[in-house]
Protein backbone atom coordinates (compact mmCIF):
# COMPACT_ATOMS: atom_id res chain seq x y z
CA MET A 1 61.05 25.22 82.83
CA ASP A 2 63.62 27.86 81.88
CA ILE A 3 64.21 29.26 78.39
CA CYS A 4 67.03 26.82 77.56
CA GLU A 5 64.81 23.85 78.38
CA LYS A 6 61.92 25.30 76.34
CA ILE A 7 63.99 25.69 73.17
CA ALA A 8 65.35 22.16 73.60
CA TYR A 9 61.74 20.93 73.86
CA ILE A 10 60.75 22.80 70.68
CA LYS A 11 63.76 21.35 68.82
CA GLY A 12 62.76 17.88 69.97
CA LEU A 13 59.19 18.41 68.74
CA ALA A 14 60.43 19.57 65.35
CA GLU A 15 62.69 16.54 64.99
CA GLY A 16 59.85 14.27 66.10
CA LEU A 17 57.58 15.73 63.42
CA SER A 18 60.21 15.02 60.75
CA LEU A 19 59.83 18.42 59.13
CA ASP A 20 60.49 18.40 55.43
CA GLU A 21 63.30 20.94 55.00
CA THR A 22 62.79 21.02 51.23
CA THR A 23 59.41 22.81 51.46
CA LYS A 24 59.07 26.56 52.01
CA GLU A 25 57.30 26.06 55.33
CA GLY A 26 59.85 23.52 56.57
CA LYS A 27 62.78 25.81 55.70
CA ILE A 28 61.16 28.71 57.59
CA LEU A 29 60.37 26.59 60.67
CA VAL A 30 63.91 25.15 60.81
CA ALA A 31 65.41 28.67 60.42
CA ILE A 32 63.15 30.05 63.18
CA ILE A 33 64.04 27.18 65.52
CA ASP A 34 67.77 27.71 64.86
CA LEU A 35 67.38 31.45 65.46
CA LEU A 36 65.53 30.79 68.73
CA GLY A 37 68.37 28.46 69.75
CA ASP A 38 70.96 31.16 69.04
CA ILE A 39 68.94 33.78 70.93
CA THR A 40 68.53 31.40 73.86
CA ASP A 41 72.29 30.73 73.97
CA GLU A 42 72.99 34.49 74.04
CA ILE A 43 70.42 35.04 76.80
CA CYS A 44 71.90 32.22 78.87
CA GLU A 45 75.40 33.73 78.50
CA ILE A 46 74.08 37.15 79.53
CA GLU A 47 72.34 35.64 82.57
CA ASP A 48 75.54 33.85 83.60
CA GLY A 49 77.50 37.11 83.22
CA CYS A 50 74.91 38.98 85.29
CA ASP A 51 75.08 36.36 88.03
CA GLU A 52 78.86 36.66 88.14
CA LEU A 53 78.66 40.46 88.24
CA MET A 54 76.10 40.35 91.05
CA GLU A 55 78.42 38.14 93.11
CA GLN A 56 81.27 40.60 92.55
CA ILE A 57 79.06 43.57 93.42
CA ASP A 58 77.96 41.84 96.63
CA ALA A 59 81.60 41.21 97.56
CA VAL A 60 82.52 44.86 96.88
CA ASP A 61 79.47 46.00 98.87
CA GLU A 62 80.53 43.89 101.85
CA ASP A 63 84.10 45.23 101.63
CA LEU A 64 82.82 48.80 101.38
CA SER A 65 80.54 48.27 104.37
CA SER A 66 83.47 46.99 106.42
CA LEU A 67 85.56 49.96 105.34
CA GLU A 68 82.77 52.41 106.21
CA ASP A 69 82.43 50.81 109.65
CA PHE A 70 86.17 51.19 110.18
CA ILE A 71 86.40 54.78 108.94
CA TYR A 72 83.11 56.13 110.23
CA GLU A 73 83.18 54.16 113.46
CA GLU A 74 79.81 54.50 115.11
CA ASP A 75 79.64 55.97 118.60
CA ASP A 76 79.38 52.96 120.90
CA CYS A 77 78.52 54.89 124.04
CA ASP A 78 76.77 52.53 126.47
CA CYS A 79 75.77 55.00 129.16
CA ASP A 80 72.14 56.00 129.60
CA CYS A 81 72.88 59.72 129.51
CA CYS A 82 74.00 59.99 125.90
CA ASP A 83 71.36 60.37 123.24
CA ASP A 84 73.34 62.61 120.91
CA ASP A 85 76.58 61.92 119.08
CA ASP A 86 78.30 65.05 120.44
CA CYS A 87 78.47 63.82 124.04
CA ASP A 88 82.07 63.22 125.13
CA CYS A 89 81.35 61.96 128.64
CA CYS A 90 82.19 58.37 127.74
CA GLU A 91 84.99 59.08 125.31
CA ASP A 92 87.87 56.68 125.99
CA ASP A 93 90.26 58.09 123.40
CA GLU A 94 90.51 61.56 124.91
CA ILE A 95 94.08 62.83 125.25
CA TYR A 96 95.24 65.15 128.04
CA GLU A 97 98.30 67.42 128.14
CA ILE A 98 100.37 67.64 131.32
CA GLU A 99 103.41 69.88 131.72
CA CYS A 100 106.24 68.56 133.85
CA PRO A 101 107.01 71.16 136.56
CA ALA A 102 110.72 70.28 136.55
CA CYS A 103 111.62 70.29 132.84
CA ASN A 104 108.49 71.95 131.35
CA ASP A 105 108.16 69.09 128.87
CA VAL A 106 104.60 68.50 127.64
CA ILE A 107 103.41 64.94 128.26
CA TYR A 108 100.34 63.50 126.54
CA LEU A 109 98.22 61.11 128.61
CA ASP A 110 95.03 59.15 128.08
CA ALA A 111 92.40 58.33 130.72
CA ASP A 112 94.04 55.00 131.63
CA MET A 113 97.36 56.70 132.35
CA LEU A 114 95.64 59.31 134.50
CA ALA A 115 93.85 56.59 136.46
CA GLU A 116 97.25 55.26 137.63
CA GLU A 117 97.59 58.49 139.70
CA GLY A 118 101.26 58.95 138.90
CA MET A 119 104.25 58.27 136.68
CA ALA A 120 107.84 59.31 136.04
CA CYS A 121 108.42 62.08 133.51
CA PRO A 122 109.81 60.40 130.38
CA ASN A 123 112.15 63.37 129.81
CA CYS A 124 113.70 64.06 133.22
CA GLY A 125 112.45 61.22 135.44
CA THR A 126 110.67 63.44 137.98
CA ASP A 127 107.87 61.67 139.80
CA LEU A 128 104.53 63.13 138.74
CA GLU A 129 101.35 62.58 140.73
CA PHE A 130 97.85 62.95 139.32
CA ASP A 131 94.80 63.77 141.40
CA PHE A 132 92.29 63.94 138.60
CA ASP A 133 88.60 63.03 138.60
CA LEU A 134 87.59 62.23 135.00
CA ASP A 135 83.84 62.54 135.67
CA SER A 136 84.01 66.02 137.17
CA ASP A 137 85.74 67.53 134.12
CA CYS A 138 83.12 66.34 131.66
CA ASP A 139 81.36 69.38 130.27
CA CYS A 140 78.95 67.74 127.91
CA GLY A 141 75.93 68.85 129.97
CA CYS A 142 74.27 65.47 130.24
CA ASP A 143 72.43 64.35 133.39
CA CYS A 144 74.96 61.73 134.47
CA CYS A 145 77.79 64.27 134.58
CA ALA A 146 75.73 66.78 136.54
CA GLU A 147 74.94 64.09 139.14
CA THR A 148 78.61 63.21 139.69
CA GLU A 149 79.61 66.88 140.11
CA GLU A 150 77.15 67.46 142.96
């Protein structure tokens, strides 16, 4: 039984006893019961407000967690060689600079573009060929990179 139900029960008992409100004791008991009813109403309003605030805080916490995951994206390296967060051997977002020998324009490439083994220079159209082994240039010092270099 919660506090609201308890005060309703006490009010029902008082009405069932037919308290005489003209006596000193009856006046005091009726005033106390009314005061308890008012206090109970205030407490119930405060509890409802707290419940609403807790729901809002939970929603903000979930949003903040999502934002933290997005901003501070955890390292999702799946290889067995990486135990520390500084290892770059599995980094997919690494950018490489290549200079076109014909026009000397600097071209920025990612690992997927290098894997294609060639492309046309976007500035002058010269055919560029890549002979690049991604594993051999990893200098993170982990065991898997040392094995591929041998």
